Amino acid sequence: MSAPARIANGVCLDVNPAGCARQVAEQVAAERLLPPLASGPRAVLVLGASGGYGLAARVVAAFGAGARTLGVSFEREPRENRGGSPGWYNNLAFDGEARRHGLSSITLVADAYLSATKARVIEAARANGFEKFDLVVYSLAAPMRTDPATGTIYRTAIKPIGQPYSALTLNLAAGTLKTTTIAPATEEETLGTVKVMGGEDWKLWIDALLEASLLHEGVRTLAFSYLGPACTRAVYRSGTLGRAKAHLEATAHELDAQLAPLGGHAYVAICKALVTRASAVIPAMPLYLAALYRVMKARGLHENCLDQMNRLFRDRLCTGRPVPVDKEGRIRLDDWEMRDDVQAEVTQLLNTVTPENVWSLVDYEGYQHDFLSLHGL
């Protein structure tokens, strides 16, 4: 029997390269079983392409629509005494699958926040005969960003604003339920989170691509976000992350106007809560996710990242009709999660959970499986 995974502060320290490759191959195989996307994108740039929604969007674009894809992600390569990051192996697997199926794929391992990376992408697109991009996916989640204009380093702080926040959360390392209390963010921490996770860099990318004449007529660009229920609001939508996501949504409106001369559009897609490397470190999210998984699986509504991206492409972006959005102009892929009946049952579970009964009330096994799968385990 293999040794248990090493987990510290919601972060898994182990990775299985073969497992990462297998899971990418499984996504590709699942996508190839679906009907081709006849009206899908032809040339796609994915910023943050190595995992989660970014990787799934790249799989749908490439293997569902036959698009040429250029992916960017900042990964750790393997060294003599240390393995690479999961995204490193995911990227290798994606490029291998693309070659095997005759698809054009370029992957750059680079910090997408840097001006030099934007220049590298433009150079790579031109050198490899890429058509102008008709879809740009912005799927970055990072702990820090260097402002290219000032050189200032900003850091993400996942905290409430104004008041401390306490919540029950799953401790995967110990297999226990514990209460976590988080101090409120300072103004500096709030600003830093907006600078890293907001829309400033997204706009810099669109500015650079426009200046380089690399955006096709009718181009669409989208970024991913999350709203969530009342039980996570204090640390998510009403906290520092919420400020950043509000800035992201405001940027989408700005970019939509900027792309109007090309007949283009910018959207924020509100996605379903799923286990990702980012969500695993947000207090209250693991327990909420485990409860949500149980409810949505029982109702036949559960989706993974690939399912969500297929709904995005097949039911929203690539129908030949106007993209359906809410009154804020957002694409809502969290509609099944936020159904009244689903949220009522999740709330009931969370209101009755205790350290003694948690394992029978929520889908801990499903959460743990998906968490470890992020690392190929």
Protein backbone atom coordinates (compact mmCIF):
# COMPACT_ATOMS: atom_id res chain seq x y z
CA MET A 1 0.00 0.00 0.00
CA SER A 2 1.38 3.42 -0.91
CA ALA A 3 2.13 5.98 1.79
CA PRO A 4 -0.60 8.55 2.51
CA ALA A 5 -0.28 11.89 0.75
CA ARG A 6 1.49 14.65 2.61
CA ILE A 7 -0.87 17.59 3.16
CA ALA A 8 -0.08 20.84 4.95
CA ASN A 9 -2.40 23.85 5.31
CA GLY A 10 -4.67 22.64 2.52
CA VAL A 11 -1.77 22.06 0.12
CA CYS A 12 -0.72 18.61 -1.09
CA LEU A 13 3.06 18.16 -1.19
CA ASP A 14 3.07 15.07 -3.38
CA VAL A 15 2.47 14.57 -7.10
CA ASN A 16 2.22 11.51 -9.33
CA PRO A 17 3.26 12.35 -12.94
CA ALA A 18 1.64 9.21 -14.36
CA GLY A 19 -1.60 10.03 -12.59
CA CYS A 20 -1.60 13.58 -13.97
CA ALA A 21 -1.07 12.24 -17.49
CA ARG A 22 -3.82 9.68 -17.06
CA GLN A 23 -6.35 12.27 -15.96
CA VAL A 24 -5.57 14.59 -18.87
CA ALA A 25 -5.95 11.63 -21.23
CA GLU A 26 -9.30 10.81 -19.61
CA GLN A 27 -10.53 14.37 -20.17
CA VAL A 28 -9.44 14.22 -23.80
CA ALA A 29 -11.13 10.84 -24.32
CA ALA A 30 -14.35 12.10 -22.74
CA GLU A 31 -14.36 15.20 -24.93
CA ARG A 32 -13.76 13.23 -28.11
CA LEU A 33 -16.90 11.18 -27.41
CA LEU A 34 -19.04 14.31 -27.78
CA PRO A 35 -20.22 15.77 -31.12
CA PRO A 36 -17.71 18.20 -32.65
CA LEU A 37 -18.26 21.90 -32.03
CA ALA A 38 -18.86 23.07 -35.59
CA SER A 39 -19.07 26.76 -34.61
CA GLY A 40 -16.33 26.63 -31.99
CA PRO A 41 -13.22 28.81 -31.79
CA ARG A 42 -10.30 28.32 -34.14
CA ALA A 43 -7.37 29.93 -32.31
CA VAL A 44 -7.41 30.09 -28.52
CA LEU A 45 -5.12 31.61 -25.91
CA VAL A 46 -5.52 30.17 -22.40
CA LEU A 47 -3.81 32.07 -19.60
CA GLY A 48 -3.61 29.70 -16.66
CA ALA A 49 -3.87 26.53 -18.77
CA SER A 50 -2.42 23.86 -16.52
CA GLY A 51 -5.32 22.80 -14.33
CA GLY A 52 -8.92 23.31 -13.24
CA TYR A 53 -11.16 25.36 -15.47
CA GLY A 54 -8.29 26.64 -17.60
CA LEU A 55 -7.15 23.15 -18.59
CA ALA A 56 -10.74 22.00 -19.15
CA ALA A 57 -11.44 25.00 -21.39
CA ARG A 58 -8.33 24.18 -23.41
CA VAL A 59 -9.44 20.54 -23.76
CA VAL A 60 -12.88 21.57 -25.05
CA ALA A 61 -11.43 24.14 -27.47
CA ALA A 62 -8.84 21.73 -28.86
CA PHE A 63 -10.55 18.34 -28.82
CA GLY A 64 -14.13 19.57 -29.11
CA ALA A 65 -13.64 22.31 -31.70
CA GLY A 66 -10.28 21.38 -33.25
CA ALA A 67 -8.83 24.77 -32.29
CA ARG A 68 -5.15 25.63 -32.23
CA THR A 69 -4.31 26.46 -28.63
CA LEU A 70 -1.57 28.41 -26.94
CA GLY A 71 -1.39 27.87 -23.18
CA VAL A 72 0.54 29.81 -20.57
CA SER A 73 1.16 28.75 -16.97
CA PHE A 74 3.84 29.27 -14.35
CA GLU A 75 4.97 25.80 -13.29
CA ARG A 76 7.81 24.20 -11.37
CA GLU A 77 9.89 21.86 -13.47
CA PRO A 78 11.21 18.65 -11.89
CA ARG A 79 14.71 18.62 -10.45
CA GLU A 80 17.03 15.90 -9.26
CA ASN A 81 15.59 15.69 -5.75
CA ARG A 82 12.17 17.24 -6.31
CA GLY A 83 9.29 16.57 -8.66
CA GLY A 84 7.59 19.18 -10.78
CA SER A 85 4.26 20.81 -10.01
CA PRO A 86 1.07 19.03 -11.10
CA GLY A 87 0.58 21.63 -13.82
CA TRP A 88 3.99 20.82 -15.29
CA TYR A 89 2.91 17.23 -15.94
CA ASN A 90 -0.58 18.29 -17.06
CA ASN A 91 0.96 20.54 -19.70
CA LEU A 92 3.24 17.78 -20.97
CA ALA A 93 0.30 15.41 -21.17
CA PHE A 94 -1.89 17.93 -23.00
CA ASP A 95 0.78 18.66 -25.59
CA GLY A 96 1.35 14.93 -26.06
CA GLU A 97 -2.36 14.28 -26.60
CA ALA A 98 -2.57 17.20 -29.03
CA ARG A 99 0.31 15.81 -31.10
CA ARG A 100 -1.20 12.35 -31.07
CA HIS A 101 -4.45 13.71 -32.53
CA GLY A 102 -2.84 16.07 -35.02
CA LEU A 103 -3.69 19.32 -33.24
CA SER A 104 -1.51 22.41 -33.02
CA SER A 105 -0.51 23.18 -29.44
CA ILE A 106 2.05 25.51 -27.90
CA THR A 107 2.64 25.68 -24.15
CA LEU A 108 4.79 28.32 -22.50
CA VAL A 109 5.94 27.90 -18.92
CA ALA A 110 6.11 31.51 -17.81
CA ASP A 111 4.70 34.07 -15.38
CA ALA A 112 1.66 35.42 -17.20
CA TYR A 113 1.76 38.63 -15.14
CA LEU A 114 5.04 39.75 -16.69
CA SER A 115 5.29 42.05 -19.71
CA ALA A 116 8.05 39.79 -21.04
CA THR A 117 5.61 36.87 -21.15
CA LYS A 118 3.12 38.89 -23.15
CA ALA A 119 5.90 39.61 -25.64
CA ARG A 120 6.82 35.90 -25.75
CA VAL A 121 3.23 34.90 -26.50
CA ILE A 122 2.97 37.44 -29.31
CA GLU A 123 6.27 36.24 -30.76
CA ALA A 124 5.30 32.57 -30.45
CA ALA A 125 1.92 33.15 -32.09
CA ARG A 126 3.51 34.92 -35.05
CA ALA A 127 6.43 32.50 -35.38
CA ASN A 128 4.12 29.48 -35.45
CA GLY A 129 1.64 30.87 -37.93
CA PHE A 130 -1.23 31.22 -35.49
CA GLU A 131 -4.37 32.85 -36.77
CA LYS A 132 -5.57 35.83 -34.81
CA PHE A 133 -7.07 34.66 -31.53
CA ASP A 134 -10.85 34.44 -31.56
CA LEU A 135 -11.00 33.37 -27.90
CA VAL A 136 -8.86 34.47 -24.96
CA VAL A 137 -9.45 32.65 -21.67
CA TYR A 138 -8.14 34.31 -18.51
CA SER A 139 -7.92 31.69 -15.74
CA LEU A 140 -5.17 32.89 -13.41
CA ALA A 141 -5.15 32.28 -9.65
CA ALA A 142 -1.87 33.08 -7.94
CA PRO A 143 -0.42 34.01 -4.56
CA MET A 144 1.48 37.03 -5.86
CA ARG A 145 1.97 39.40 -8.80
CA THR A 146 4.60 41.96 -9.70
CA ASP A 147 3.12 45.18 -11.08
CA PRO A 148 4.89 45.66 -14.44
CA ALA A 149 4.60 49.44 -14.21
CA THR A 150 6.08 49.91 -10.74
CA GLY A 151 7.85 46.66 -9.87
CA THR A 152 5.81 46.45 -6.66
CA ILE A 153 5.06 42.91 -5.50
CA TYR A 154 1.46 42.34 -4.39
CA ARG A 155 0.23 39.25 -2.53
CA THR A 156 -3.14 37.54 -2.23
CA ALA A 157 -4.69 37.40 1.23
CA ILE A 158 -7.87 35.34 1.55
CA LYS A 159 -9.52 37.11 4.45
CA PRO A 160 -12.78 38.71 5.58
CA ILE A 161 -13.13 42.47 5.66
CA GLY A 162 -14.10 44.36 8.80
CA GLN A 163 -14.66 41.50 11.25
CA PRO A 164 -12.94 38.21 12.13
CA TYR A 165 -14.48 35.13 10.59
CA SER A 166 -14.87 31.69 12.16
CA ALA A 167 -16.05 28.58 10.36
CA LEU A 168 -15.87 24.82 10.44
CA THR A 169 -13.56 23.34 7.85
CA LEU A 170 -12.26 19.92 6.88
CA ASN A 171 -8.69 19.18 7.85
CA LEU A 172 -7.62 16.69 5.19
CA ALA A 173 -4.22 16.14 6.76
CA ALA A 174 -5.74 14.88 10.00
CA GLY A 175 -9.10 13.70 8.68
CA THR A 176 -10.93 15.88 11.19
CA LEU A 177 -13.37 18.76 11.37
CA LYS A 178 -12.03 21.90 13.00
CA THR A 179 -12.94 25.52 13.57
CA THR A 180 -10.79 28.09 11.84
CA THR A 181 -10.78 31.79 12.75
CA ILE A 182 -9.35 34.37 10.37
CA ALA A 183 -8.47 37.94 11.31
CA PRO A 184 -9.86 40.68 9.06
CA ALA A 185 -7.72 41.96 6.21
CA THR A 186 -5.80 45.18 6.37
CA GLU A 187 -6.27 47.78 3.65
CA GLU A 188 -2.90 46.75 2.24
CA GLU A 189 -3.98 43.09 2.07
CA THR A 190 -7.25 44.00 0.38
CA LEU A 191 -5.46 46.13 -2.19
CA GLY A 192 -2.93 43.37 -2.80
CA THR A 193 -5.63 40.79 -3.44
CA VAL A 194 -7.36 43.07 -5.94
CA LYS A 195 -4.05 43.73 -7.71
CA VAL A 196 -3.35 39.99 -8.03
CA MET A 197 -6.81 38.52 -8.56
CA GLY A 198 -8.71 41.43 -10.11
CA GLY A 199 -8.91 42.43 -13.74
CA GLU A 200 -5.86 44.68 -14.11
CA ASP A 201 -3.66 42.06 -15.74
CA TRP A 202 -6.53 40.75 -17.89
CA LYS A 203 -6.82 44.21 -19.42
CA LEU A 204 -3.06 44.42 -19.97
CA TRP A 205 -3.25 41.19 -21.96
CA ILE A 206 -6.07 42.46 -24.17
CA ASP A 207 -4.25 45.78 -24.64
CA ALA A 208 -1.09 43.94 -25.75
CA LEU A 209 -2.94 41.63 -28.13
CA LEU A 210 -4.87 44.51 -29.66
CA GLU A 211 -1.68 46.49 -30.18
CA ALA A 212 -0.12 43.46 -31.86
CA SER A 213 -3.20 43.01 -34.10
CA LEU A 214 -3.63 39.44 -32.83
CA LEU A 215 -7.34 39.56 -32.04
CA HIS A 216 -9.81 38.32 -34.64
CA GLU A 217 -13.03 40.09 -35.54
CA GLY A 218 -15.74 38.90 -33.19
CA VAL A 219 -13.17 37.86 -30.58
CA ARG A 220 -14.45 36.86 -27.19
CA THR A 221 -12.53 36.92 -23.96
CA LEU A 222 -13.69 35.53 -20.65
CA ALA A 223 -12.52 35.19 -17.08
CA PHE A 224 -13.78 32.83 -14.40
CA SER A 225 -15.33 33.85 -11.09
CA TYR A 226 -17.56 32.57 -8.31
CA LEU A 227 -20.40 33.98 -6.21
CA GLY A 228 -21.36 31.26 -3.76
CA PRO A 229 -23.96 30.97 -1.00
CA ALA A 230 -24.44 32.87 2.24
CA CYS A 231 -22.36 30.41 4.28
CA THR A 232 -19.14 31.32 2.43
CA ARG A 233 -19.92 34.99 1.79
CA ALA A 234 -17.91 36.50 4.64
CA VAL A 235 -14.65 34.96 3.50
CA TYR A 236 -15.42 34.94 -0.21
CA ARG A 237 -17.77 37.42 -1.87
CA SER A 238 -17.78 39.92 1.01
CA GLY A 239 -14.07 39.44 1.69
CA THR A 240 -10.88 40.30 -0.12
CA LEU A 241 -11.56 37.79 -2.89
CA GLY A 242 -14.95 39.37 -3.45
CA ARG A 243 -13.34 42.78 -3.89
CA ALA A 244 -11.02 41.27 -6.47
CA LYS A 245 -13.88 39.54 -8.29
CA ALA A 246 -15.90 42.78 -8.33
CA HIS A 247 -12.92 44.45 -10.00
CA LEU A 248 -12.74 41.56 -12.47
CA GLU A 249 -16.39 42.03 -13.39
CA ALA A 250 -15.96 45.79 -13.80
CA THR A 251 -13.01 45.09 -16.08
CA ALA A 252 -15.18 42.82 -18.21
CA HIS A 253 -17.52 45.74 -18.93
CA GLU A 254 -14.54 47.94 -19.79
CA LEU A 255 -13.10 45.32 -22.12
CA ASP A 256 -16.47 44.71 -23.73
CA ALA A 257 -16.57 48.36 -24.77
CA GLN A 258 -12.93 48.26 -25.87
CA LEU A 259 -13.58 45.25 -28.14
CA ALA A 260 -16.75 46.71 -29.68
CA PRO A 261 -14.97 48.02 -32.81
CA LEU A 262 -13.99 44.40 -33.56
CA GLY A 263 -17.48 43.15 -32.80
CA GLY A 264 -15.97 41.40 -29.80
CA HIS A 265 -17.19 40.80 -26.27
CA ALA A 266 -15.80 40.21 -22.80
CA TYR A 267 -17.52 38.07 -20.19
CA VAL A 268 -17.10 36.83 -16.67
CA ALA A 269 -18.29 33.24 -16.30
CA ILE A 270 -19.60 32.42 -12.83
CA CYS A 271 -18.70 28.78 -12.32
CA LYS A 272 -19.83 26.06 -9.96
CA ALA A 273 -17.85 25.44 -6.79
CA LEU A 274 -15.40 22.61 -7.33
CA VAL A 275 -12.32 21.23 -5.63
CA THR A 276 -9.34 23.09 -7.06
CA ARG A 277 -5.91 23.90 -5.68
CA ALA A 278 -7.21 27.43 -5.06
CA SER A 279 -10.51 26.54 -3.36
CA ALA A 280 -8.83 24.00 -1.07
CA VAL A 281 -7.10 26.77 0.88
CA ILE A 282 -10.21 28.94 1.35
CA PRO A 283 -11.62 28.37 4.86
CA ALA A 284 -15.20 27.04 4.94
CA MET A 285 -15.03 25.93 1.30
CA PRO A 286 -13.93 22.31 1.89
CA LEU A 287 -16.88 21.55 4.18
CA TYR A 288 -19.32 23.40 1.93
CA LEU A 289 -18.01 21.52 -1.09
CA ALA A 290 -18.32 18.14 0.64
CA ALA A 291 -21.95 18.94 1.51
CA LEU A 292 -22.65 20.30 -1.98
CA TYR A 293 -21.15 17.19 -3.59
CA ARG A 294 -23.47 14.93 -1.62
CA VAL A 295 -26.58 16.93 -2.54
CA MET A 296 -25.78 17.46 -6.22
CA LYS A 297 -24.66 13.87 -6.79
CA ALA A 298 -27.88 12.57 -5.21
CA ARG A 299 -29.89 14.80 -7.56
CA GLY A 300 -27.87 13.92 -10.65
CA LEU A 301 -26.62 17.50 -10.97
CA HIS A 302 -22.95 17.14 -10.12
CA GLU A 303 -20.45 18.42 -12.70
CA ASN A 304 -16.68 18.42 -12.93
CA CYS A 305 -14.53 21.08 -14.62
CA LEU A 306 -14.91 19.47 -18.04
CA ASP A 307 -18.70 19.26 -17.68
CA GLN A 308 -18.82 22.95 -16.78
CA MET A 309 -16.66 23.98 -19.72
CA ASN A 310 -18.76 21.92 -22.10
CA ARG A 311 -21.87 23.73 -20.89
CA LEU A 312 -19.99 27.02 -21.35
CA PHE A 313 -18.94 26.27 -24.93
CA ARG A 314 -21.89 24.19 -26.11
CA ASP A 315 -24.81 25.96 -24.42
CA ARG A 316 -23.51 29.52 -24.14
CA LEU A 317 -20.59 30.57 -26.37
CA CYS A 318 -20.89 28.46 -29.51
CA THR A 319 -24.59 28.29 -30.32
CA GLY A 320 -24.72 30.92 -33.04
CA ARG A 321 -27.12 32.92 -30.85
CA PRO A 322 -26.46 35.79 -28.42
CA VAL A 323 -24.71 34.58 -25.28
CA PRO A 324 -27.23 34.36 -22.41
CA VAL A 325 -26.16 36.46 -19.42
CA ASP A 326 -27.66 37.71 -16.15
CA LYS A 327 -28.55 41.34 -15.48
CA GLU A 328 -24.90 42.03 -14.58
CA GLY A 329 -23.73 40.65 -17.93
CA ARG A 330 -22.29 37.46 -16.43
CA ILE A 331 -22.51 33.94 -17.83
CA ARG A 332 -24.05 31.81 -15.07
CA LEU A 333 -22.73 28.27 -14.91
CA ASP A 334 -23.51 28.05 -11.18
CA ASP A 335 -27.25 27.85 -11.88
CA TRP A 336 -27.58 24.23 -10.77
CA GLU A 337 -25.52 24.80 -7.62
CA MET A 338 -27.58 27.85 -6.65
CA ARG A 339 -30.99 26.24 -7.19
CA ASP A 340 -33.20 26.90 -4.17
CA ASP A 341 -33.76 23.21 -3.46
CA VAL A 342 -30.04 22.42 -3.65
CA GLN A 343 -29.05 25.28 -1.37
CA ALA A 344 -31.81 24.48 1.13
CA GLU A 345 -30.57 20.91 1.52
CA VAL A 346 -26.91 21.97 1.72
CA THR A 347 -27.80 24.52 4.40
CA GLN A 348 -29.67 21.87 6.38
CA LEU A 349 -26.63 19.60 6.29
CA LEU A 350 -24.26 22.34 7.36
CA ASN A 351 -26.56 23.37 10.22
CA THR A 352 -26.57 19.84 11.65
CA VAL A 353 -22.98 18.77 11.05
CA THR A 354 -20.76 17.99 14.04
CA PRO A 355 -17.30 16.42 14.38
CA GLU A 356 -19.05 13.15 15.22
CA ASN A 357 -21.54 12.94 12.34
CA VAL A 358 -19.75 14.83 9.57
CA TRP A 359 -18.47 11.71 7.82
CA SER A 360 -21.99 10.32 7.39
CA LEU A 361 -23.60 13.63 6.40
CA VAL A 362 -21.26 14.96 3.71
CA ASP A 363 -19.33 13.50 0.79
CA TYR A 364 -15.91 13.54 2.42
CA GLU A 365 -14.67 10.70 0.23
CA GLY A 366 -15.67 12.55 -2.92
CA TYR A 367 -13.98 15.72 -1.78
CA GLN A 368 -10.81 13.88 -0.79
CA HIS A 369 -10.75 11.96 -4.08
CA ASP A 370 -11.00 15.13 -6.14
CA PHE A 371 -8.41 16.92 -4.01
CA LEU A 372 -5.85 14.14 -4.40
CA SER A 373 -6.67 13.80 -8.10
CA LEU A 374 -5.44 17.36 -8.62
CA HIS A 375 -1.98 15.91 -7.95
CA GLY A 376 -2.39 12.70 -9.91
CA LEU A 377 -2.90 10.66 -6.73
